[in-house]
N, C-alpha and C. Protein backbone atom coordinates (compact mmCIF):
# COMPACT_ATOMS: atom_id res chain seq x y z
N PRO A 1 -6.73 28.72 23.45
CA PRO A 1 -7.64 28.24 22.35
C PRO A 1 -6.75 27.19 21.77
N THR A 2 -7.49 26.21 21.00
CA THR A 2 -6.56 25.24 20.27
C THR A 2 -6.54 25.71 18.78
N SER A 3 -7.13 26.64 18.38
CA SER A 3 -6.75 27.48 17.20
C SER A 3 -6.98 28.84 17.23
N GLY A 4 -6.31 29.64 16.07
CA GLY A 4 -6.65 30.95 16.15
C GLY A 4 -5.47 31.77 16.63
N ARG A 5 -5.52 33.07 16.64
CA ARG A 5 -4.38 34.04 17.14
C ARG A 5 -4.03 34.03 18.62
N ILE A 6 -2.70 33.57 18.94
CA ILE A 6 -2.42 33.92 20.23
C ILE A 6 -1.07 34.79 20.17
N PHE A 7 -1.04 35.76 20.77
CA PHE A 7 0.04 36.65 20.54
C PHE A 7 0.91 36.55 21.83
N ARG A 8 2.30 36.57 21.61
CA ARG A 8 3.22 36.26 22.61
C ARG A 8 4.20 37.34 22.87
N ARG A 9 4.67 37.57 24.14
CA ARG A 9 5.76 38.63 24.31
C ARG A 9 6.69 38.13 25.46
N GLU A 10 7.65 38.63 25.57
CA GLU A 10 8.73 38.64 26.74
C GLU A 10 8.89 39.67 27.34
N ARG A 11 9.03 39.92 28.64
CA ARG A 11 9.55 41.08 29.31
C ARG A 11 10.17 40.70 30.59
N ARG A 12 10.97 41.61 31.22
CA ARG A 12 11.69 41.42 32.36
C ARG A 12 10.95 42.40 33.59
N VAL A 13 10.78 41.54 34.61
CA VAL A 13 10.13 42.53 35.82
C VAL A 13 11.35 43.52 36.24
N ARG A 14 10.96 44.77 36.25
CA ARG A 14 11.92 45.82 36.62
C ARG A 14 11.71 46.53 38.06
N LEU A 15 12.54 47.27 38.54
CA LEU A 15 12.57 47.77 39.83
C LEU A 15 11.39 48.61 39.99
N GLY A 16 10.93 49.28 39.16
CA GLY A 16 9.82 50.13 39.25
C GLY A 16 8.45 49.47 39.33
N ASP A 17 8.43 48.13 39.14
CA ASP A 17 7.28 47.31 39.07
C ASP A 17 6.99 46.52 40.27
N VAL A 18 8.04 46.64 41.25
CA VAL A 18 7.95 45.82 42.41
C VAL A 18 7.82 46.50 43.65
N ASP A 19 7.31 45.89 44.75
CA ASP A 19 7.27 46.50 46.08
C ASP A 19 8.49 46.25 46.77
N ALA A 20 8.63 46.54 48.05
CA ALA A 20 9.73 46.61 48.90
C ALA A 20 10.19 45.28 49.18
N THR A 21 9.47 44.08 48.88
CA THR A 21 9.95 42.82 49.03
C THR A 21 10.51 42.30 47.67
N GLY A 22 10.21 42.92 46.62
CA GLY A 22 10.71 42.39 45.32
C GLY A 22 9.58 41.81 44.44
N ARG A 23 8.25 41.76 45.14
CA ARG A 23 7.04 41.13 44.44
C ARG A 23 6.57 42.10 43.44
N LEU A 24 6.19 41.40 42.22
CA LEU A 24 5.63 42.13 41.14
C LEU A 24 4.17 42.72 41.75
N ARG A 25 3.89 44.22 41.69
CA ARG A 25 2.81 44.57 42.16
C ARG A 25 1.54 44.32 41.25
N LEU A 26 0.33 44.39 41.81
CA LEU A 26 -0.85 44.33 40.92
C LEU A 26 -0.97 45.41 39.84
N ASP A 27 -0.71 46.64 40.17
CA ASP A 27 -0.82 47.67 39.20
C ASP A 27 -0.02 47.71 38.05
N ALA A 28 1.29 46.91 38.34
CA ALA A 28 2.26 46.55 37.43
C ALA A 28 1.72 45.51 36.43
N VAL A 29 1.04 44.49 37.16
CA VAL A 29 0.55 43.63 36.30
C VAL A 29 -0.50 43.93 35.35
N ALA A 30 -1.30 45.05 35.80
CA ALA A 30 -2.43 45.51 34.95
C ALA A 30 -1.66 46.15 33.90
N ARG A 31 -0.64 47.01 34.08
CA ARG A 31 0.16 47.71 32.80
C ARG A 31 0.55 46.53 31.92
N TYR A 32 1.20 45.31 32.48
CA TYR A 32 1.64 44.33 31.46
C TYR A 32 0.52 43.88 30.61
N LEU A 33 -0.76 43.73 31.23
CA LEU A 33 -1.93 43.26 30.57
C LEU A 33 -2.27 44.32 29.53
N GLN A 34 -2.13 45.58 29.70
CA GLN A 34 -2.41 46.55 28.84
C GLN A 34 -1.39 46.65 27.68
N ASP A 35 -0.05 46.54 28.12
CA ASP A 35 0.94 46.67 27.16
C ASP A 35 0.85 45.42 26.01
N VAL A 36 0.67 44.10 26.63
CA VAL A 36 0.65 43.18 25.60
C VAL A 36 -0.85 43.17 24.82
N ALA A 37 -1.71 43.70 25.24
CA ALA A 37 -2.86 43.87 24.30
C ALA A 37 -2.59 44.99 23.24
N THR A 38 -1.89 46.09 23.72
CA THR A 38 -1.53 47.08 22.63
C THR A 38 -0.47 46.51 21.65
N ASP A 39 0.35 45.82 22.19
CA ASP A 39 1.37 45.15 21.17
C ASP A 39 0.69 44.33 20.12
N ASP A 40 -0.25 43.39 20.61
CA ASP A 40 -1.14 42.68 19.76
C ASP A 40 -1.60 43.52 18.66
N SER A 41 -2.49 44.53 19.17
CA SER A 41 -3.12 45.41 18.33
C SER A 41 -2.20 45.95 17.16
N ASP A 42 -0.94 46.49 17.75
CA ASP A 42 0.01 46.84 16.81
C ASP A 42 0.37 46.04 15.72
N ASP A 43 0.77 44.83 16.33
CA ASP A 43 1.11 43.73 15.37
C ASP A 43 0.04 43.38 14.31
N VAL A 44 -1.27 43.51 14.71
CA VAL A 44 -2.25 43.22 13.68
C VAL A 44 -2.27 44.38 12.40
N GLY A 45 -1.89 45.68 13.10
CA GLY A 45 -1.72 46.86 12.18
C GLY A 45 -3.01 47.72 12.02
N SER A 46 -4.06 47.52 12.74
CA SER A 46 -5.22 48.22 12.66
C SER A 46 -5.34 49.43 13.45
N LEU A 47 -5.17 50.61 12.85
CA LEU A 47 -5.23 51.87 13.75
C LEU A 47 -6.63 51.85 14.46
N GLU A 48 -7.76 51.54 13.68
CA GLU A 48 -8.94 51.74 14.04
C GLU A 48 -9.24 50.96 15.71
N THR A 49 -8.37 49.88 15.89
CA THR A 49 -8.74 49.25 16.95
C THR A 49 -7.99 49.69 18.21
N ARG A 50 -7.43 50.90 18.29
CA ARG A 50 -6.51 51.52 19.15
C ARG A 50 -7.29 52.21 20.44
N ALA A 51 -8.34 52.58 20.24
CA ALA A 51 -9.15 53.43 21.26
C ALA A 51 -9.98 52.39 22.07
N TRP A 52 -9.31 51.85 23.13
CA TRP A 52 -10.15 50.87 24.10
C TRP A 52 -9.74 51.36 25.51
N VAL A 53 -10.85 51.17 26.25
CA VAL A 53 -10.78 51.25 27.75
C VAL A 53 -11.03 50.09 28.53
N VAL A 54 -10.52 49.93 29.63
CA VAL A 54 -10.83 48.51 30.38
C VAL A 54 -12.25 48.87 31.29
N ARG A 55 -13.10 47.95 31.22
CA ARG A 55 -14.45 47.78 32.02
C ARG A 55 -14.18 47.05 33.17
N ARG A 56 -13.48 45.87 33.12
CA ARG A 56 -13.18 45.11 34.32
C ARG A 56 -12.01 44.12 34.03
N THR A 57 -11.49 43.77 35.16
CA THR A 57 -10.23 42.98 35.20
C THR A 57 -10.24 42.08 36.17
N LEU A 58 -9.96 40.82 36.09
CA LEU A 58 -9.90 39.77 37.00
C LEU A 58 -8.52 39.32 37.06
N ILE A 59 -7.69 39.37 38.10
CA ILE A 59 -6.28 38.75 38.09
C ILE A 59 -6.29 37.80 39.17
N GLU A 60 -5.80 36.48 38.66
CA GLU A 60 -5.35 35.51 39.56
C GLU A 60 -3.94 35.26 39.61
N GLN A 61 -3.33 35.80 40.63
CA GLN A 61 -2.07 35.59 41.05
C GLN A 61 -1.65 34.33 41.77
N ARG A 62 -1.18 33.47 40.99
CA ARG A 62 -0.89 32.08 41.52
C ARG A 62 0.16 32.10 42.40
N LYS A 63 1.32 32.74 41.77
CA LYS A 63 2.64 32.77 42.36
C LYS A 63 3.09 34.21 41.86
N ALA A 64 3.50 35.23 42.60
CA ALA A 64 4.01 36.47 42.15
C ALA A 64 5.28 36.44 41.64
N MET A 65 5.63 37.00 40.45
CA MET A 65 6.85 37.25 39.92
C MET A 65 7.64 38.11 40.84
N ARG A 66 8.92 38.10 40.56
CA ARG A 66 9.83 38.64 41.39
C ARG A 66 10.90 39.71 40.42
N ASN A 67 11.31 40.53 41.29
CA ASN A 67 12.28 41.56 40.67
C ASN A 67 13.31 40.87 39.80
N ARG A 68 13.59 41.26 38.47
CA ARG A 68 14.36 40.70 37.44
C ARG A 68 13.93 39.29 36.91
N GLU A 69 12.73 38.98 37.23
CA GLU A 69 12.37 37.63 36.70
C GLU A 69 12.02 37.74 35.28
N ASP A 70 12.23 36.98 34.29
CA ASP A 70 11.79 37.08 32.93
C ASP A 70 10.40 36.48 32.86
N VAL A 71 9.60 37.08 32.21
CA VAL A 71 8.21 36.68 32.10
C VAL A 71 7.78 36.57 30.60
N SER A 72 7.17 35.37 30.37
CA SER A 72 6.46 35.16 29.04
C SER A 72 4.97 35.34 29.27
N LEU A 73 4.48 36.24 28.37
CA LEU A 73 3.11 36.52 28.37
C LEU A 73 2.26 36.05 27.05
N ALA A 74 1.31 35.52 27.14
CA ALA A 74 0.43 34.93 25.87
C ALA A 74 -0.91 35.49 26.10
N THR A 75 -1.49 36.05 25.11
CA THR A 75 -2.83 36.64 25.11
C THR A 75 -3.51 36.35 24.00
N PHE A 76 -4.98 36.18 24.11
CA PHE A 76 -5.83 35.91 22.82
C PHE A 76 -7.18 36.49 23.33
N CYS A 77 -8.06 36.73 22.32
CA CYS A 77 -9.25 37.08 22.58
C CYS A 77 -10.34 36.01 22.83
N SER A 78 -10.96 35.99 24.22
CA SER A 78 -11.59 34.84 24.64
C SER A 78 -13.30 35.09 24.35
N GLY A 79 -13.60 36.17 23.73
CA GLY A 79 -15.12 36.44 23.66
C GLY A 79 -15.29 37.73 23.25
N MET A 80 -16.64 38.18 22.44
CA MET A 80 -16.71 39.41 22.07
C MET A 80 -18.23 39.77 22.32
N GLY A 81 -18.51 41.12 22.22
CA GLY A 81 -19.89 41.57 22.15
C GLY A 81 -19.90 42.46 21.04
N SER A 82 -20.90 43.35 20.85
CA SER A 82 -21.12 44.24 19.67
C SER A 82 -20.02 45.33 19.72
N ARG A 83 -19.67 45.76 21.04
CA ARG A 83 -18.71 46.97 21.14
C ARG A 83 -17.69 46.73 22.32
N TRP A 84 -17.47 45.40 22.53
CA TRP A 84 -16.47 45.17 23.57
C TRP A 84 -15.81 43.86 23.06
N ALA A 85 -14.72 43.42 23.71
CA ALA A 85 -14.16 42.06 23.66
C ALA A 85 -13.32 41.77 24.97
N GLU A 86 -13.35 40.47 25.11
CA GLU A 86 -12.70 40.00 26.25
C GLU A 86 -11.35 39.43 25.93
N ARG A 87 -10.41 39.66 26.67
CA ARG A 87 -8.84 39.23 26.49
C ARG A 87 -8.40 38.39 27.66
N ARG A 88 -7.88 37.30 27.28
CA ARG A 88 -7.15 36.52 28.37
C ARG A 88 -5.63 36.70 28.32
N VAL A 89 -4.95 36.81 29.38
CA VAL A 89 -3.47 36.80 29.31
C VAL A 89 -2.98 35.85 30.39
N SER A 90 -2.01 34.89 30.05
CA SER A 90 -1.17 34.12 30.83
C SER A 90 0.18 34.64 30.93
N MET A 91 0.48 34.81 32.29
CA MET A 91 1.96 35.20 32.50
C MET A 91 2.61 34.24 33.18
N THR A 92 3.88 33.85 32.76
CA THR A 92 4.68 32.44 33.29
C THR A 92 6.04 33.20 33.56
N GLY A 93 6.50 33.10 34.67
CA GLY A 93 7.98 33.52 35.12
C GLY A 93 8.95 32.47 34.99
N GLU A 94 10.12 32.81 34.73
CA GLU A 94 11.15 31.77 34.65
C GLU A 94 11.45 31.03 36.11
N HIS A 95 11.08 31.74 37.00
CA HIS A 95 11.25 31.17 38.49
C HIS A 95 9.98 30.61 39.12
N GLY A 96 8.82 30.25 38.29
CA GLY A 96 7.78 29.86 38.78
C GLY A 96 6.53 30.63 38.83
N GLY A 97 6.76 32.08 38.71
CA GLY A 97 5.79 33.00 38.90
C GLY A 97 4.67 32.63 37.80
N SER A 98 3.38 32.82 38.28
CA SER A 98 2.16 32.48 37.48
C SER A 98 1.00 33.46 37.86
N VAL A 99 0.44 34.23 36.63
CA VAL A 99 -0.67 34.93 36.67
C VAL A 99 -1.54 34.67 35.58
N GLU A 100 -2.73 34.60 35.77
CA GLU A 100 -3.87 34.42 34.72
C GLU A 100 -4.70 35.59 34.90
N ALA A 101 -5.28 36.08 33.83
CA ALA A 101 -6.23 37.40 33.96
C ALA A 101 -7.10 37.34 32.82
N VAL A 102 -8.17 38.09 32.97
CA VAL A 102 -9.07 38.23 31.97
C VAL A 102 -9.50 39.71 32.17
N THR A 103 -9.72 40.36 31.09
CA THR A 103 -10.02 41.76 31.01
C THR A 103 -11.15 42.09 29.87
N LEU A 104 -12.05 42.88 30.23
CA LEU A 104 -13.13 43.19 29.24
C LEU A 104 -12.82 44.66 28.79
N TRP A 105 -12.61 44.83 27.42
CA TRP A 105 -12.10 46.08 26.79
C TRP A 105 -13.37 46.48 26.10
N VAL A 106 -13.59 47.90 26.28
CA VAL A 106 -14.64 48.61 25.58
C VAL A 106 -14.02 49.37 24.33
N HIS A 107 -14.44 49.13 23.16
CA HIS A 107 -13.98 49.99 21.96
C HIS A 107 -14.68 51.24 21.89
N LEU A 108 -13.82 52.33 21.78
CA LEU A 108 -14.32 53.64 21.84
C LEU A 108 -14.12 54.31 20.46
N ASP A 109 -15.14 55.21 20.22
CA ASP A 109 -14.78 56.31 19.01
C ASP A 109 -13.83 57.16 19.88
N PRO A 110 -12.51 57.36 19.16
CA PRO A 110 -11.61 58.20 19.87
C PRO A 110 -11.98 59.86 19.96
N VAL A 111 -12.92 60.05 19.06
CA VAL A 111 -13.43 61.49 19.08
C VAL A 111 -14.57 61.70 19.98
N THR A 112 -15.73 60.93 20.12
CA THR A 112 -16.73 61.21 20.78
C THR A 112 -16.64 60.62 22.32
N GLY A 113 -15.82 59.51 22.44
CA GLY A 113 -15.60 58.72 23.58
C GLY A 113 -16.63 57.77 23.94
N ARG A 114 -17.63 57.47 22.89
CA ARG A 114 -18.55 56.64 23.04
C ARG A 114 -18.29 55.19 22.54
N PRO A 115 -18.91 54.22 23.14
CA PRO A 115 -18.52 52.67 22.72
C PRO A 115 -19.05 52.78 21.10
N LYS A 116 -18.13 52.01 20.57
CA LYS A 116 -18.16 51.99 18.99
C LYS A 116 -18.22 50.54 18.56
N THR A 117 -19.11 50.16 17.52
CA THR A 117 -19.01 48.84 17.09
C THR A 117 -17.65 48.31 16.77
N LEU A 118 -17.44 47.03 17.10
CA LEU A 118 -16.18 46.38 16.77
C LEU A 118 -15.90 46.34 15.28
N PRO A 119 -14.75 46.76 14.64
CA PRO A 119 -14.25 46.80 13.16
C PRO A 119 -14.43 45.48 12.71
N ALA A 120 -14.79 45.29 11.42
CA ALA A 120 -14.80 44.04 10.72
C ALA A 120 -13.55 43.23 10.76
N GLY A 121 -12.46 44.03 10.66
CA GLY A 121 -11.07 43.37 10.78
C GLY A 121 -10.80 42.74 12.01
N PHE A 122 -11.35 43.29 13.06
CA PHE A 122 -10.90 42.93 14.48
C PHE A 122 -11.92 41.56 14.61
N VAL A 123 -13.04 41.60 14.14
CA VAL A 123 -14.05 40.30 14.41
C VAL A 123 -13.29 39.28 13.46
N ALA A 124 -12.88 39.48 12.22
CA ALA A 124 -12.24 38.50 11.45
C ALA A 124 -11.02 37.92 12.21
N THR A 125 -10.17 38.71 12.70
CA THR A 125 -8.98 38.26 13.26
C THR A 125 -9.27 37.45 14.49
N TYR A 126 -10.32 37.85 15.33
CA TYR A 126 -10.27 37.31 16.65
C TYR A 126 -11.41 36.36 16.94
N THR A 127 -12.22 36.13 15.90
CA THR A 127 -13.47 35.42 16.05
C THR A 127 -12.88 33.81 16.45
N GLU A 128 -11.89 33.44 15.56
CA GLU A 128 -11.57 31.86 15.83
C GLU A 128 -11.02 31.78 17.13
N PRO A 129 -10.06 32.37 17.85
CA PRO A 129 -9.66 32.00 19.05
C PRO A 129 -10.78 32.17 20.20
N SER A 130 -11.68 33.14 19.94
CA SER A 130 -12.84 33.32 20.97
C SER A 130 -13.90 32.34 20.84
N GLY A 131 -13.79 31.44 19.88
CA GLY A 131 -14.66 30.28 19.73
C GLY A 131 -16.18 30.73 19.55
N GLY A 132 -16.39 32.07 19.09
CA GLY A 132 -17.54 32.62 18.78
C GLY A 132 -18.20 32.95 20.11
N ARG A 133 -17.55 32.96 21.35
CA ARG A 133 -18.21 33.19 22.59
C ARG A 133 -18.68 34.62 22.70
N GLU A 134 -19.76 34.82 23.32
CA GLU A 134 -20.40 36.10 23.39
C GLU A 134 -20.14 36.45 24.89
N VAL A 135 -19.78 37.86 25.05
CA VAL A 135 -19.60 38.28 26.42
C VAL A 135 -20.44 39.64 26.62
N THR A 136 -20.85 39.77 27.87
CA THR A 136 -21.54 40.96 28.19
C THR A 136 -20.74 42.07 28.84
N ALA A 137 -21.04 43.28 28.77
CA ALA A 137 -20.37 44.40 29.40
C ALA A 137 -21.03 44.81 30.90
N ARG A 138 -22.12 44.04 31.19
CA ARG A 138 -22.83 44.32 32.37
C ARG A 138 -21.79 44.13 33.52
N GLN A 139 -22.15 45.01 34.58
CA GLN A 139 -21.46 44.77 35.88
C GLN A 139 -21.79 43.37 36.33
N VAL A 140 -20.72 42.73 36.88
CA VAL A 140 -20.78 41.21 37.53
C VAL A 140 -20.91 41.11 38.93
N HIS A 141 -20.80 42.28 39.70
CA HIS A 141 -20.96 42.27 41.11
C HIS A 141 -21.89 43.24 41.51
N ASP A 142 -22.40 43.06 42.87
CA ASP A 142 -23.30 44.29 43.41
C ASP A 142 -22.54 45.40 43.70
N PRO A 143 -22.94 46.68 43.60
CA PRO A 143 -22.22 47.93 44.01
C PRO A 143 -21.75 47.94 45.43
N VAL A 144 -20.71 48.35 45.68
CA VAL A 144 -20.38 48.64 47.00
C VAL A 144 -20.89 49.91 47.59
N VAL A 145 -21.44 49.98 48.66
CA VAL A 145 -21.97 51.28 49.05
C VAL A 145 -21.23 51.73 50.50
N PRO A 146 -20.56 52.94 50.36
CA PRO A 146 -19.92 53.28 51.49
C PRO A 146 -20.98 53.42 52.71
N GLY A 147 -20.49 53.07 53.95
CA GLY A 147 -21.34 53.10 55.00
C GLY A 147 -21.86 51.78 55.48
N ASP A 148 -22.00 50.88 54.30
CA ASP A 148 -22.64 49.46 54.65
C ASP A 148 -21.68 48.62 55.51
N ASP A 149 -22.30 47.72 56.22
CA ASP A 149 -21.47 46.78 57.05
C ASP A 149 -20.36 46.01 56.24
N GLY A 150 -19.12 46.28 56.71
CA GLY A 150 -18.02 45.50 56.04
C GLY A 150 -17.36 46.34 55.04
N VAL A 151 -17.92 47.62 54.68
CA VAL A 151 -17.37 48.41 53.82
C VAL A 151 -16.41 49.36 54.43
N HIS A 152 -15.18 49.48 54.03
CA HIS A 152 -14.22 50.47 54.66
C HIS A 152 -13.81 51.40 53.53
N THR A 153 -13.68 52.61 53.94
CA THR A 153 -13.14 53.66 52.82
C THR A 153 -11.88 54.18 53.41
N MET A 154 -11.19 54.90 52.24
CA MET A 154 -9.92 55.52 52.75
C MET A 154 -9.86 56.72 51.63
N PRO A 155 -9.12 57.82 51.87
CA PRO A 155 -9.01 58.75 51.10
C PRO A 155 -7.96 58.38 49.96
N TRP A 156 -8.37 58.80 48.82
CA TRP A 156 -7.41 58.68 47.54
C TRP A 156 -7.62 59.84 46.64
N TRP A 157 -6.26 60.43 46.44
CA TRP A 157 -6.19 61.61 45.79
C TRP A 157 -5.88 61.50 44.22
N PRO A 158 -6.78 61.59 43.31
CA PRO A 158 -6.22 61.50 41.97
C PRO A 158 -5.07 62.27 41.55
N ARG A 159 -4.30 61.80 40.72
CA ARG A 159 -3.06 62.54 40.32
C ARG A 159 -3.22 62.81 38.74
N VAL A 160 -2.39 63.73 38.25
CA VAL A 160 -2.37 64.15 36.77
C VAL A 160 -1.74 62.90 36.24
N THR A 161 -0.98 62.13 36.62
CA THR A 161 -0.28 60.92 35.95
C THR A 161 -1.23 59.77 35.97
N ASP A 162 -2.33 59.79 36.60
CA ASP A 162 -3.34 58.64 36.53
C ASP A 162 -4.28 58.69 35.23
N LEU A 163 -4.10 59.90 34.49
CA LEU A 163 -4.88 60.12 33.27
C LEU A 163 -4.00 59.46 32.07
N ASP A 164 -4.83 59.07 30.94
CA ASP A 164 -4.02 58.51 29.78
C ASP A 164 -4.55 59.56 28.61
N VAL A 165 -4.22 59.14 27.41
CA VAL A 165 -4.24 59.96 26.36
C VAL A 165 -5.77 60.13 25.85
N LEU A 166 -6.49 59.27 26.35
CA LEU A 166 -8.06 59.47 26.18
C LEU A 166 -8.61 60.35 27.36
N ASN A 167 -7.89 60.83 28.11
CA ASN A 167 -8.32 61.75 29.43
C ASN A 167 -9.12 60.74 30.28
N HIS A 168 -8.55 59.61 30.52
CA HIS A 168 -9.35 58.41 31.10
C HIS A 168 -8.45 57.93 32.23
N VAL A 169 -9.06 57.77 33.42
CA VAL A 169 -8.11 57.12 34.36
C VAL A 169 -7.66 55.68 34.12
N ASN A 170 -6.32 55.64 33.88
CA ASN A 170 -5.75 54.32 33.46
C ASN A 170 -6.32 53.16 34.58
N ASN A 171 -6.51 52.08 33.87
CA ASN A 171 -6.86 50.93 34.78
C ASN A 171 -5.84 50.44 35.93
N ALA A 172 -4.76 50.69 35.60
CA ALA A 172 -3.57 50.33 36.56
C ALA A 172 -3.97 50.99 37.82
N VAL A 173 -4.42 52.22 37.90
CA VAL A 173 -4.69 53.10 39.08
C VAL A 173 -5.58 52.22 40.03
N SER A 174 -6.54 51.62 39.67
CA SER A 174 -7.51 50.78 40.40
C SER A 174 -6.56 49.72 41.22
N TRP A 175 -5.61 49.22 40.61
CA TRP A 175 -4.84 48.34 41.25
C TRP A 175 -3.87 48.91 42.17
N GLU A 176 -3.66 50.09 42.00
CA GLU A 176 -2.73 50.76 43.08
C GLU A 176 -3.45 50.85 44.42
N VAL A 177 -4.88 51.27 44.10
CA VAL A 177 -5.71 51.26 45.38
C VAL A 177 -5.74 49.85 46.10
N VAL A 178 -5.72 48.94 45.37
CA VAL A 178 -5.72 47.51 46.04
C VAL A 178 -4.36 47.24 46.74
N GLU A 179 -3.22 47.62 46.05
CA GLU A 179 -2.04 47.50 46.63
C GLU A 179 -2.00 48.26 47.92
N GLN A 180 -2.31 49.43 48.08
CA GLN A 180 -2.41 50.19 49.31
C GLN A 180 -3.19 49.69 50.26
N THR A 181 -4.47 49.05 49.88
CA THR A 181 -5.26 48.51 50.82
C THR A 181 -4.80 47.12 51.28
N LEU A 182 -4.11 46.35 50.52
CA LEU A 182 -3.30 45.14 51.18
C LEU A 182 -2.25 45.56 52.13
N GLU A 183 -1.57 46.59 51.84
CA GLU A 183 -0.46 47.05 52.63
C GLU A 183 -1.14 47.27 54.19
N ARG A 184 -2.22 48.18 54.05
CA ARG A 184 -2.84 48.49 55.32
C ARG A 184 -3.22 47.25 55.99
N VAL A 185 -3.94 46.30 55.46
CA VAL A 185 -4.42 45.01 55.87
C VAL A 185 -3.09 44.28 56.58
N ARG A 186 -2.05 44.16 55.93
CA ARG A 186 -0.86 43.48 56.35
C ARG A 186 -0.27 44.25 57.57
N ALA A 187 -0.29 45.56 57.60
CA ALA A 187 0.21 46.32 58.84
C ALA A 187 -0.83 46.01 59.89
N ARG A 188 -1.84 46.03 59.72
CA ARG A 188 -3.08 45.89 60.83
C ARG A 188 -2.82 44.53 61.30
N GLU A 189 -2.63 43.34 60.57
CA GLU A 189 -2.28 42.00 60.96
C GLU A 189 -1.16 41.83 61.84
N LEU A 190 -0.08 42.62 61.33
CA LEU A 190 1.23 42.67 62.18
C LEU A 190 0.99 43.42 63.59
N ILE A 191 0.27 44.36 63.62
CA ILE A 191 -0.05 45.02 64.88
C ILE A 191 -0.85 44.13 65.82
N ASP A 192 -1.88 43.20 65.18
CA ASP A 192 -2.74 42.60 65.89
C ASP A 192 -1.77 41.13 66.48
N LEU A 193 -0.96 40.78 65.59
CA LEU A 193 0.11 39.82 66.15
C LEU A 193 0.96 40.26 67.39
N GLY A 194 1.32 41.47 67.28
CA GLY A 194 2.35 42.13 68.12
C GLY A 194 1.48 42.39 69.42
N THR A 195 0.27 42.56 69.42
CA THR A 195 -0.45 42.98 70.64
C THR A 195 -1.25 42.01 71.29
N GLY A 196 -1.45 40.86 70.39
CA GLY A 196 -2.34 39.88 70.80
C GLY A 196 -1.58 38.71 71.48
């Protein structure tokens, strides 16, 4: 945005965040998005804004960050609804790594777990960078139906480490599934190259 709050942080890509080639994994990117959003909330100082869960995330990885690359993150609120807010994050690596992401966060009542109206302080802080843009929490793609043409399934076993303090599956887990699927596709392509 041209005006309003933009929150910035620096971090380094670490060994636990990369794949065997040294590429920053997408589940780690999702954790970075979550961490910078939480840091922004902590910096504002509002305890009421801390019960959030991710509804959807779009990650555009233009060039993957690499192990030990220093990364600059910048985030701002790009839109709001009555009980949710959209946050954009730009990640830029010192060696050319580049990720753009947008995430829709739903504000929850930490006791009931139900969506809760955005606090007045949140709205006052983030309306300017959002430009007053309204966003919806509706699903933006058609549901995937197992058994339909082109739909492939694989077993996935939830782990106790997948749950967060809200007893909710952390959004990074979805990206672990994506990473596993990408690896299966790469392995299949290598097999096809070797036998074709």
